[in-house]
Every structure is written in structure tokens, then in C-alpha cells.
């Protein structure tokens, strides 16, 4: 399982955490992906609810899951929580 966490800044570009804009690695659109399921979760000030959602996906019996978390400029701890999930997987 892979979790990718992204942050969206005012210029409408998704930036993978820890990378510069020139190193952005957005999910590809080709159908030969190694994952059986990709789940995209947009987040905005979701610190109170996001863990329940993410944990439900992680508890799924399917192993080949790509989980993409996209923070839309939250002002709470949403991005910090998303980074922790990304670091643990």
C-alpha cells in the first residue's frame, strides 16, 4: 500500500510533500498502474474526520491500494496528519 500526500497552494498546482515544483510526481493516467485501486481524498480543514476515513480505507482487505491525500490549504492540522500517514506507509 502506498499513501501519497499532496498540498495545493494558491497557484493551483499539486505539490508532493517534500519536493520542489520541478519534482512533482502526480499520479499517471495510464491503465497499467500497479495498483488495483486508487483512492483520492480531497481534504480541507478535516482534522476531526479524516482519520476515520483513512483508517477505514486502510482496514480494507485489498492490498494493492494507492491512497492519495490532497490538502487544499487547510488552516488546521490536516496537512500534519496527512504527512504522518504518508510517513508511516
N, C-alpha and C. Protein backbone atom coordinates (compact mmCIF):
# COMPACT_ATOMS: atom_id res chain seq x y z
N UNK A 1 0.84 -1.18 0.00
CA UNK A 1 0.00 0.00 0.00
C UNK A 1 0.88 1.24 0.00
N UNK A 2 0.46 2.24 -0.72
CA UNK A 2 1.19 3.49 -0.81
C UNK A 2 0.24 4.62 -0.46
N UNK A 3 0.72 5.56 0.33
CA UNK A 3 -0.06 6.77 0.59
C UNK A 3 0.76 7.94 0.11
N UNK A 4 0.18 8.73 -0.77
CA UNK A 4 0.82 9.95 -1.25
C UNK A 4 0.02 11.12 -0.71
N UNK A 5 0.70 12.07 -0.12
CA UNK A 5 0.03 13.26 0.41
C UNK A 5 0.47 14.46 -0.40
N UNK A 6 -0.48 15.25 -0.84
CA UNK A 6 -0.22 16.43 -1.65
C UNK A 6 -0.79 17.66 -0.97
N UNK A 7 -0.18 18.79 -1.26
CA UNK A 7 -0.65 20.06 -0.74
C UNK A 7 -0.91 20.99 -1.92
N UNK A 8 -2.03 21.69 -1.92
CA UNK A 8 -2.34 22.61 -3.03
C UNK A 8 -2.12 24.04 -2.53
N UNK A 9 -1.29 24.76 -3.25
CA UNK A 9 -1.04 26.16 -2.92
C UNK A 9 -1.87 27.04 -3.84
N UNK A 10 -1.81 28.34 -3.66
CA UNK A 10 -2.64 29.28 -4.39
C UNK A 10 -2.47 29.25 -5.90
N UNK A 11 -1.39 28.65 -6.41
CA UNK A 11 -1.18 28.62 -7.85
C UNK A 11 -1.84 27.41 -8.51
N UNK A 12 -2.67 26.69 -7.78
CA UNK A 12 -3.43 25.55 -8.29
C UNK A 12 -2.57 24.39 -8.78
N UNK A 13 -1.36 24.26 -8.27
CA UNK A 13 -0.51 23.13 -8.61
C UNK A 13 -0.41 22.21 -7.40
N UNK A 14 -0.53 20.92 -7.65
CA UNK A 14 -0.37 19.96 -6.57
C UNK A 14 1.11 19.68 -6.39
N UNK A 15 1.56 19.73 -5.16
CA UNK A 15 2.97 19.53 -4.90
C UNK A 15 3.12 18.38 -3.92
N UNK A 16 3.82 17.34 -4.33
CA UNK A 16 4.03 16.21 -3.44
C UNK A 16 4.89 16.70 -2.28
N UNK A 17 4.51 16.34 -1.09
CA UNK A 17 5.19 16.83 0.09
C UNK A 17 6.67 16.52 0.03
N UNK A 18 7.46 17.52 0.37
CA UNK A 18 8.90 17.34 0.42
C UNK A 18 9.60 17.53 -0.90
N UNK A 19 8.89 17.87 -1.97
CA UNK A 19 9.50 18.05 -3.27
C UNK A 19 9.29 19.47 -3.76
N UNK A 20 10.19 19.95 -4.61
CA UNK A 20 10.01 21.25 -5.23
C UNK A 20 9.03 21.11 -6.40
N UNK A 21 8.56 22.22 -6.92
CA UNK A 21 7.59 22.18 -8.01
C UNK A 21 8.14 21.47 -9.24
N UNK A 22 9.45 21.54 -9.45
CA UNK A 22 10.03 20.88 -10.62
C UNK A 22 10.10 19.37 -10.46
N UNK A 23 9.87 18.86 -9.25
CA UNK A 23 9.95 17.43 -8.99
C UNK A 23 8.59 16.78 -8.75
N UNK A 24 7.52 17.46 -9.13
CA UNK A 24 6.17 16.96 -8.87
C UNK A 24 5.97 15.62 -9.55
N UNK A 25 5.45 14.66 -8.81
CA UNK A 25 5.19 13.31 -9.32
C UNK A 25 3.70 13.03 -9.17
N UNK A 26 2.90 13.56 -10.07
CA UNK A 26 1.46 13.36 -10.00
C UNK A 26 1.11 11.96 -10.48
N UNK A 27 0.02 11.39 -9.99
CA UNK A 27 -0.38 10.06 -10.44
C UNK A 27 -0.58 10.03 -11.95
N UNK A 28 -0.10 8.98 -12.58
CA UNK A 28 -0.25 8.88 -14.02
C UNK A 28 -1.65 8.42 -14.38
N UNK A 29 -2.03 8.62 -15.63
CA UNK A 29 -3.36 8.24 -16.07
C UNK A 29 -3.35 6.98 -16.90
N UNK A 30 -2.20 6.32 -17.04
CA UNK A 30 -2.20 5.11 -17.86
C UNK A 30 -2.86 3.96 -17.10
N UNK A 31 -3.39 3.03 -17.83
CA UNK A 31 -4.18 1.96 -17.24
C UNK A 31 -3.32 0.79 -16.77
N UNK A 32 -2.00 0.90 -16.90
CA UNK A 32 -1.13 -0.20 -16.49
C UNK A 32 -0.59 -0.01 -15.08
N UNK A 33 -1.29 0.75 -14.27
CA UNK A 33 -0.85 1.00 -12.91
C UNK A 33 -0.69 -0.30 -12.13
N UNK A 34 0.25 -0.29 -11.20
CA UNK A 34 0.47 -1.49 -10.40
C UNK A 34 -0.56 -1.62 -9.27
N UNK A 35 -1.40 -0.63 -9.10
CA UNK A 35 -2.42 -0.67 -8.05
C UNK A 35 -3.76 -1.11 -8.63
N UNK A 36 -4.49 -1.88 -7.83
CA UNK A 36 -5.82 -2.30 -8.24
C UNK A 36 -6.84 -1.20 -7.99
N UNK A 37 -6.54 -0.35 -7.01
CA UNK A 37 -7.49 0.69 -6.63
C UNK A 37 -6.72 1.94 -6.22
N UNK A 38 -7.10 3.08 -6.77
CA UNK A 38 -6.57 4.37 -6.34
C UNK A 38 -7.70 5.14 -5.70
N UNK A 39 -7.46 5.64 -4.50
CA UNK A 39 -8.46 6.41 -3.78
C UNK A 39 -7.91 7.82 -3.59
N UNK A 40 -8.65 8.81 -4.06
CA UNK A 40 -8.25 10.21 -3.91
C UNK A 40 -9.16 10.85 -2.88
N UNK A 41 -8.56 11.43 -1.85
CA UNK A 41 -9.34 12.09 -0.80
C UNK A 41 -8.95 13.56 -0.74
N UNK A 42 -9.83 14.45 -1.19
CA UNK A 42 -9.57 15.88 -1.03
C UNK A 42 -9.84 16.28 0.42
N UNK A 43 -8.96 17.09 0.98
CA UNK A 43 -9.07 17.48 2.38
C UNK A 43 -9.04 18.99 2.53
N UNK A 44 -9.91 19.51 3.37
CA UNK A 44 -9.86 20.92 3.74
C UNK A 44 -10.38 21.05 5.16
N UNK A 45 -9.50 21.43 6.07
CA UNK A 45 -9.83 21.55 7.49
C UNK A 45 -10.59 20.31 7.98
N UNK A 46 -9.99 19.16 7.76
CA UNK A 46 -10.64 17.88 8.02
C UNK A 46 -10.06 17.12 9.20
N UNK A 47 -9.30 17.78 10.06
CA UNK A 47 -8.60 17.07 11.12
C UNK A 47 -9.53 16.25 12.02
N UNK A 48 -10.75 16.66 12.18
CA UNK A 48 -11.66 15.94 13.07
C UNK A 48 -12.23 14.66 12.46
N UNK A 49 -12.23 14.56 11.12
CA UNK A 49 -12.91 13.45 10.46
C UNK A 49 -12.01 12.59 9.58
N UNK A 50 -10.87 13.09 9.18
CA UNK A 50 -10.07 12.41 8.17
C UNK A 50 -9.50 11.08 8.64
N UNK A 51 -9.15 10.94 9.90
CA UNK A 51 -8.55 9.69 10.39
C UNK A 51 -9.53 8.53 10.26
N UNK A 52 -10.79 8.78 10.55
CA UNK A 52 -11.79 7.72 10.43
C UNK A 52 -11.90 7.25 8.98
N UNK A 53 -11.89 8.19 8.05
CA UNK A 53 -11.98 7.86 6.62
C UNK A 53 -10.75 7.09 6.16
N UNK A 54 -9.57 7.59 6.49
CA UNK A 54 -8.32 6.95 6.07
C UNK A 54 -8.19 5.57 6.69
N UNK A 55 -8.49 5.45 7.98
CA UNK A 55 -8.38 4.16 8.66
C UNK A 55 -9.35 3.13 8.07
N UNK A 56 -10.52 3.58 7.64
CA UNK A 56 -11.48 2.66 7.01
C UNK A 56 -10.91 2.11 5.70
N UNK A 57 -10.25 2.96 4.95
CA UNK A 57 -9.65 2.51 3.69
C UNK A 57 -8.49 1.57 3.97
N UNK A 58 -7.66 1.90 4.96
CA UNK A 58 -6.51 1.08 5.30
C UNK A 58 -6.90 -0.29 5.85
N UNK A 59 -8.07 -0.39 6.45
CA UNK A 59 -8.50 -1.66 7.02
C UNK A 59 -9.11 -2.58 5.97
N UNK A 60 -9.22 -2.11 4.74
CA UNK A 60 -9.74 -2.91 3.64
C UNK A 60 -8.83 -4.10 3.40
N UNK A 61 -9.38 -5.22 3.00
CA UNK A 61 -8.58 -6.43 2.78
C UNK A 61 -7.80 -6.38 1.47
N UNK A 62 -8.12 -5.46 0.58
CA UNK A 62 -7.38 -5.30 -0.67
C UNK A 62 -6.02 -4.69 -0.37
N UNK A 63 -4.96 -5.30 -0.89
CA UNK A 63 -3.60 -4.85 -0.55
C UNK A 63 -3.04 -3.84 -1.55
N UNK A 64 -3.41 -3.92 -2.80
CA UNK A 64 -2.83 -3.04 -3.82
C UNK A 64 -3.62 -1.76 -3.95
N UNK A 65 -3.55 -0.92 -2.90
CA UNK A 65 -4.30 0.33 -2.86
C UNK A 65 -3.32 1.50 -2.89
N UNK A 66 -3.63 2.47 -3.70
CA UNK A 66 -2.90 3.74 -3.70
C UNK A 66 -3.84 4.77 -3.10
N UNK A 67 -3.44 5.38 -2.01
CA UNK A 67 -4.26 6.38 -1.33
C UNK A 67 -3.60 7.74 -1.53
N UNK A 68 -4.31 8.65 -2.16
CA UNK A 68 -3.79 9.98 -2.46
C UNK A 68 -4.56 10.99 -1.64
N UNK A 69 -3.86 11.68 -0.74
CA UNK A 69 -4.46 12.70 0.11
C UNK A 69 -4.08 14.06 -0.45
N UNK A 70 -5.07 14.90 -0.71
CA UNK A 70 -4.81 16.23 -1.27
C UNK A 70 -5.36 17.28 -0.31
N UNK A 71 -4.45 18.05 0.28
CA UNK A 71 -4.86 19.12 1.18
C UNK A 71 -5.03 20.40 0.38
N UNK A 72 -6.15 21.07 0.58
CA UNK A 72 -6.48 22.27 -0.18
C UNK A 72 -6.25 23.53 0.65
N UNK A 73 -5.08 23.61 1.29
CA UNK A 73 -4.72 24.82 2.04
C UNK A 73 -5.38 24.92 3.40
N UNK A 74 -5.54 23.81 4.08
CA UNK A 74 -6.19 23.81 5.39
C UNK A 74 -5.45 24.69 6.38
N UNK A 75 -6.20 25.24 7.33
CA UNK A 75 -5.61 26.07 8.37
C UNK A 75 -5.56 25.34 9.71
N UNK A 76 -6.02 24.10 9.75
CA UNK A 76 -5.94 23.30 10.96
C UNK A 76 -4.78 22.30 10.81
N UNK A 77 -4.83 21.16 11.47
CA UNK A 77 -3.73 20.19 11.45
C UNK A 77 -3.89 19.12 10.37
N UNK A 78 -4.75 19.36 9.39
CA UNK A 78 -5.00 18.38 8.34
C UNK A 78 -3.71 17.97 7.63
N UNK A 79 -2.91 18.92 7.21
CA UNK A 79 -1.68 18.61 6.48
C UNK A 79 -0.70 17.83 7.35
N UNK A 80 -0.58 18.20 8.61
CA UNK A 80 0.31 17.48 9.54
C UNK A 80 -0.12 16.02 9.69
N UNK A 81 -1.40 15.79 9.82
CA UNK A 81 -1.93 14.42 9.94
C UNK A 81 -1.69 13.65 8.66
N UNK A 82 -1.93 14.28 7.50
CA UNK A 82 -1.69 13.63 6.21
C UNK A 82 -0.23 13.24 6.06
N UNK A 83 0.68 14.10 6.47
CA UNK A 83 2.11 13.79 6.42
C UNK A 83 2.44 12.60 7.29
N UNK A 84 1.84 12.51 8.47
CA UNK A 84 2.10 11.36 9.36
C UNK A 84 1.67 10.06 8.69
N UNK A 85 0.51 10.05 8.07
CA UNK A 85 0.08 8.84 7.35
C UNK A 85 1.06 8.52 6.24
N UNK A 86 1.48 9.54 5.50
CA UNK A 86 2.45 9.32 4.41
C UNK A 86 3.76 8.76 4.91
N UNK A 87 4.23 9.25 6.05
CA UNK A 87 5.49 8.76 6.62
C UNK A 87 5.38 7.31 7.10
N UNK A 88 4.20 6.92 7.56
CA UNK A 88 4.02 5.56 8.11
C UNK A 88 3.78 4.50 7.03
N UNK A 89 3.50 4.91 5.81
CA UNK A 89 3.27 3.94 4.74
C UNK A 89 4.19 4.24 3.62
